[in-house]
Amino acid sequence: MGILSWLVLGGIAGWLASIIKGTDARMGLFANIFTGIVGAMVGGWVFNLLGGRGVTGFNLYSLGVATAGAFLLLTLLKAISK
């Protein structure tokens, strides 16, 4: 995947995860993109540990993996900040 694909996929995944977690009002565009990209890495790592595939390209499966990883990342950050 190219840089632009990572940015778009990360932005969408971060935005979806922030809506699910209820933190969308506090997060801006760059925070959503950062959360989505790091979430894609975390999600890919977790899915690989569980025997699945990580991010495979710009598709619906990869969006799900990235969103799950971003959700996990936001959950961990919230737990640490308390």
N, C-alpha and C. Protein backbone atom coordinates (compact mmCIF):
# COMPACT_ATOMS: atom_id res chain seq x y z
N MET A 1 0.85 -1.18 0.00
CA MET A 1 0.00 0.00 0.00
C MET A 1 0.89 1.24 0.00
N GLY A 2 0.45 2.25 -0.68
CA GLY A 2 1.19 3.50 -0.72
C GLY A 2 0.85 4.38 0.47
N ILE A 3 1.57 5.47 0.58
CA ILE A 3 1.38 6.41 1.68
C ILE A 3 -0.04 6.96 1.69
N LEU A 4 -0.56 7.33 0.54
CA LEU A 4 -1.91 7.89 0.47
C LEU A 4 -2.95 6.87 0.92
N SER A 5 -2.76 5.61 0.56
CA SER A 5 -3.69 4.56 0.99
C SER A 5 -3.65 4.39 2.51
N TRP A 6 -2.45 4.42 3.09
CA TRP A 6 -2.33 4.33 4.56
C TRP A 6 -3.04 5.49 5.24
N LEU A 7 -2.88 6.70 4.69
CA LEU A 7 -3.51 7.88 5.28
C LEU A 7 -5.03 7.79 5.21
N VAL A 8 -5.56 7.38 4.07
CA VAL A 8 -7.01 7.28 3.91
C VAL A 8 -7.57 6.15 4.78
N LEU A 9 -6.96 4.97 4.71
CA LEU A 9 -7.42 3.85 5.52
C LEU A 9 -7.30 4.18 7.01
N GLY A 10 -6.18 4.78 7.40
CA GLY A 10 -5.98 5.15 8.80
C GLY A 10 -6.99 6.20 9.26
N GLY A 11 -7.27 7.17 8.40
CA GLY A 11 -8.24 8.20 8.77
C GLY A 11 -9.63 7.63 8.97
N ILE A 12 -10.05 6.76 8.06
CA ILE A 12 -11.38 6.15 8.18
C ILE A 12 -11.44 5.23 9.40
N ALA A 13 -10.43 4.41 9.59
CA ALA A 13 -10.41 3.49 10.74
C ALA A 13 -10.37 4.24 12.06
N GLY A 14 -9.53 5.28 12.13
CA GLY A 14 -9.47 6.07 13.36
C GLY A 14 -10.76 6.78 13.64
N TRP A 15 -11.40 7.29 12.60
CA TRP A 15 -12.68 7.98 12.76
C TRP A 15 -13.76 7.01 13.25
N LEU A 16 -13.83 5.81 12.63
CA LEU A 16 -14.82 4.82 13.05
C LEU A 16 -14.59 4.38 14.50
N ALA A 17 -13.33 4.14 14.86
CA ALA A 17 -13.03 3.72 16.23
C ALA A 17 -13.37 4.82 17.22
N SER A 18 -13.12 6.09 16.86
CA SER A 18 -13.44 7.18 17.78
C SER A 18 -14.94 7.37 17.93
N ILE A 19 -15.70 7.06 16.88
CA ILE A 19 -17.16 7.12 17.00
C ILE A 19 -17.65 6.00 17.92
N ILE A 20 -17.11 4.80 17.75
CA ILE A 20 -17.51 3.67 18.58
C ILE A 20 -17.16 3.93 20.05
N LYS A 21 -15.97 4.50 20.31
CA LYS A 21 -15.54 4.78 21.69
C LYS A 21 -16.16 6.05 22.26
N GLY A 22 -16.77 6.88 21.42
CA GLY A 22 -17.38 8.12 21.91
C GLY A 22 -16.39 9.24 22.11
N THR A 23 -15.23 9.19 21.46
CA THR A 23 -14.21 10.22 21.61
C THR A 23 -14.09 11.09 20.37
N ASP A 24 -15.06 11.00 19.46
CA ASP A 24 -14.97 11.71 18.19
C ASP A 24 -14.95 13.22 18.37
N ALA A 25 -15.66 13.74 19.36
CA ALA A 25 -15.72 15.19 19.57
C ALA A 25 -14.36 15.76 20.00
N ARG A 26 -13.53 14.97 20.64
CA ARG A 26 -12.23 15.44 21.11
C ARG A 26 -11.11 15.23 20.12
N MET A 27 -11.35 14.41 19.10
CA MET A 27 -10.28 14.06 18.16
C MET A 27 -10.46 14.82 16.86
N GLY A 28 -9.38 15.28 16.31
CA GLY A 28 -9.41 15.95 15.03
C GLY A 28 -8.95 15.02 13.92
N LEU A 29 -8.77 15.60 12.75
CA LEU A 29 -8.38 14.82 11.57
C LEU A 29 -7.05 14.11 11.77
N PHE A 30 -6.05 14.83 12.26
CA PHE A 30 -4.71 14.24 12.41
C PHE A 30 -4.68 13.18 13.50
N ALA A 31 -5.43 13.38 14.57
CA ALA A 31 -5.49 12.37 15.63
C ALA A 31 -6.18 11.11 15.12
N ASN A 32 -7.23 11.27 14.31
CA ASN A 32 -7.90 10.11 13.73
C ASN A 32 -6.97 9.35 12.80
N ILE A 33 -6.23 10.06 11.96
CA ILE A 33 -5.31 9.40 11.03
C ILE A 33 -4.22 8.67 11.81
N PHE A 34 -3.62 9.33 12.80
CA PHE A 34 -2.57 8.71 13.60
C PHE A 34 -3.10 7.48 14.32
N THR A 35 -4.28 7.62 14.94
CA THR A 35 -4.87 6.49 15.66
C THR A 35 -5.16 5.33 14.71
N GLY A 36 -5.65 5.64 13.52
CA GLY A 36 -5.95 4.59 12.56
C GLY A 36 -4.72 3.87 12.04
N ILE A 37 -3.65 4.62 11.78
CA ILE A 37 -2.42 3.99 11.27
C ILE A 37 -1.77 3.13 12.34
N VAL A 38 -1.67 3.66 13.55
CA VAL A 38 -1.10 2.87 14.65
C VAL A 38 -2.03 1.70 14.97
N GLY A 39 -3.34 1.96 14.90
CA GLY A 39 -4.32 0.89 15.12
C GLY A 39 -4.21 -0.22 14.10
N ALA A 40 -3.90 0.13 12.85
CA ALA A 40 -3.71 -0.88 11.81
C ALA A 40 -2.51 -1.76 12.14
N MET A 41 -1.46 -1.15 12.66
CA MET A 41 -0.29 -1.94 13.05
C MET A 41 -0.61 -2.84 14.23
N VAL A 42 -1.29 -2.29 15.23
CA VAL A 42 -1.67 -3.08 16.41
C VAL A 42 -2.64 -4.18 16.02
N GLY A 43 -3.65 -3.84 15.23
CA GLY A 43 -4.62 -4.84 14.79
C GLY A 43 -4.00 -5.94 13.97
N GLY A 44 -3.08 -5.56 13.07
CA GLY A 44 -2.39 -6.56 12.26
C GLY A 44 -1.56 -7.49 13.12
N TRP A 45 -0.90 -6.93 14.12
CA TRP A 45 -0.09 -7.74 15.04
C TRP A 45 -0.97 -8.71 15.82
N VAL A 46 -2.08 -8.22 16.37
CA VAL A 46 -2.99 -9.06 17.15
C VAL A 46 -3.61 -10.15 16.27
N PHE A 47 -4.07 -9.77 15.08
CA PHE A 47 -4.67 -10.76 14.19
C PHE A 47 -3.66 -11.83 13.78
N ASN A 48 -2.40 -11.43 13.56
CA ASN A 48 -1.36 -12.42 13.24
C ASN A 48 -1.11 -13.35 14.40
N LEU A 49 -1.14 -12.83 15.62
CA LEU A 49 -0.96 -13.68 16.81
C LEU A 49 -2.08 -14.71 16.94
N LEU A 50 -3.29 -14.30 16.53
CA LEU A 50 -4.44 -15.19 16.63
C LEU A 50 -4.59 -16.12 15.42
N GLY A 51 -3.63 -16.06 14.50
CA GLY A 51 -3.64 -16.95 13.35
C GLY A 51 -4.33 -16.39 12.12
N GLY A 52 -4.75 -15.15 12.17
CA GLY A 52 -5.40 -14.53 11.02
C GLY A 52 -4.40 -13.74 10.20
N ARG A 53 -4.92 -12.94 9.29
CA ARG A 53 -4.08 -12.08 8.46
C ARG A 53 -4.19 -10.66 8.98
N GLY A 54 -3.16 -9.90 8.81
CA GLY A 54 -3.16 -8.49 9.19
C GLY A 54 -3.77 -7.66 8.07
N VAL A 55 -3.33 -6.44 7.96
CA VAL A 55 -3.79 -5.56 6.90
C VAL A 55 -3.24 -6.07 5.57
N THR A 56 -4.14 -6.33 4.63
CA THR A 56 -3.74 -6.96 3.37
C THR A 56 -3.81 -6.01 2.18
N GLY A 57 -4.26 -4.82 2.38
CA GLY A 57 -4.40 -3.85 1.29
C GLY A 57 -5.54 -2.91 1.59
N PHE A 58 -5.98 -2.21 0.59
CA PHE A 58 -7.07 -1.26 0.75
C PHE A 58 -8.39 -1.97 0.45
N ASN A 59 -8.92 -2.68 1.46
CA ASN A 59 -10.17 -3.42 1.31
C ASN A 59 -10.95 -3.41 2.61
N LEU A 60 -12.14 -3.99 2.60
CA LEU A 60 -13.01 -3.98 3.77
C LEU A 60 -12.42 -4.76 4.94
N TYR A 61 -11.77 -5.88 4.65
CA TYR A 61 -11.15 -6.68 5.71
C TYR A 61 -10.08 -5.86 6.44
N SER A 62 -9.24 -5.18 5.68
CA SER A 62 -8.19 -4.37 6.28
C SER A 62 -8.77 -3.22 7.09
N LEU A 63 -9.86 -2.65 6.61
CA LEU A 63 -10.53 -1.58 7.36
C LEU A 63 -11.03 -2.12 8.70
N GLY A 64 -11.56 -3.34 8.69
CA GLY A 64 -12.00 -3.97 9.94
C GLY A 64 -10.86 -4.23 10.89
N VAL A 65 -9.74 -4.71 10.38
CA VAL A 65 -8.56 -4.97 11.20
C VAL A 65 -8.04 -3.65 11.79
N ALA A 66 -7.95 -2.62 10.95
CA ALA A 66 -7.44 -1.33 11.41
C ALA A 66 -8.38 -0.70 12.43
N THR A 67 -9.69 -0.81 12.21
CA THR A 67 -10.66 -0.25 13.15
C THR A 67 -10.61 -1.00 14.49
N ALA A 68 -10.49 -2.31 14.44
CA ALA A 68 -10.37 -3.10 15.68
C ALA A 68 -9.10 -2.72 16.44
N GLY A 69 -8.00 -2.56 15.72
CA GLY A 69 -6.75 -2.15 16.37
C GLY A 69 -6.83 -0.75 16.93
N ALA A 70 -7.47 0.17 16.21
CA ALA A 70 -7.63 1.54 16.71
C ALA A 70 -8.54 1.57 17.94
N PHE A 71 -9.59 0.75 17.94
CA PHE A 71 -10.47 0.64 19.10
C PHE A 71 -9.69 0.13 20.31
N LEU A 72 -8.87 -0.90 20.09
CA LEU A 72 -8.04 -1.44 21.17
C LEU A 72 -7.06 -0.39 21.67
N LEU A 73 -6.46 0.35 20.75
CA LEU A 73 -5.52 1.41 21.13
C LEU A 73 -6.20 2.49 21.96
N LEU A 74 -7.38 2.94 21.54
CA LEU A 74 -8.10 3.96 22.29
C LEU A 74 -8.52 3.45 23.67
N THR A 75 -8.90 2.17 23.74
CA THR A 75 -9.27 1.57 25.02
C THR A 75 -8.07 1.53 25.97
N LEU A 76 -6.91 1.13 25.45
CA LEU A 76 -5.70 1.09 26.28
C LEU A 76 -5.28 2.48 26.74
N LEU A 77 -5.35 3.46 25.83
CA LEU A 77 -4.98 4.82 26.21
C LEU A 77 -5.91 5.40 27.26
N LYS A 78 -7.19 5.08 27.16
CA LYS A 78 -8.16 5.55 28.16
C LYS A 78 -7.90 4.90 29.52
N ALA A 79 -7.56 3.60 29.50
CA ALA A 79 -7.28 2.88 30.75
C ALA A 79 -6.00 3.41 31.41
N ILE A 80 -5.02 3.76 30.61
CA ILE A 80 -3.76 4.27 31.16
C ILE A 80 -3.94 5.68 31.71
N SER A 81 -4.77 6.48 31.06
CA SER A 81 -4.94 7.87 31.49
C SER A 81 -5.76 8.01 32.77
N LYS A 82 -6.47 6.97 33.18
CA LYS A 82 -7.27 7.05 34.42
C LYS A 82 -6.44 6.86 35.64
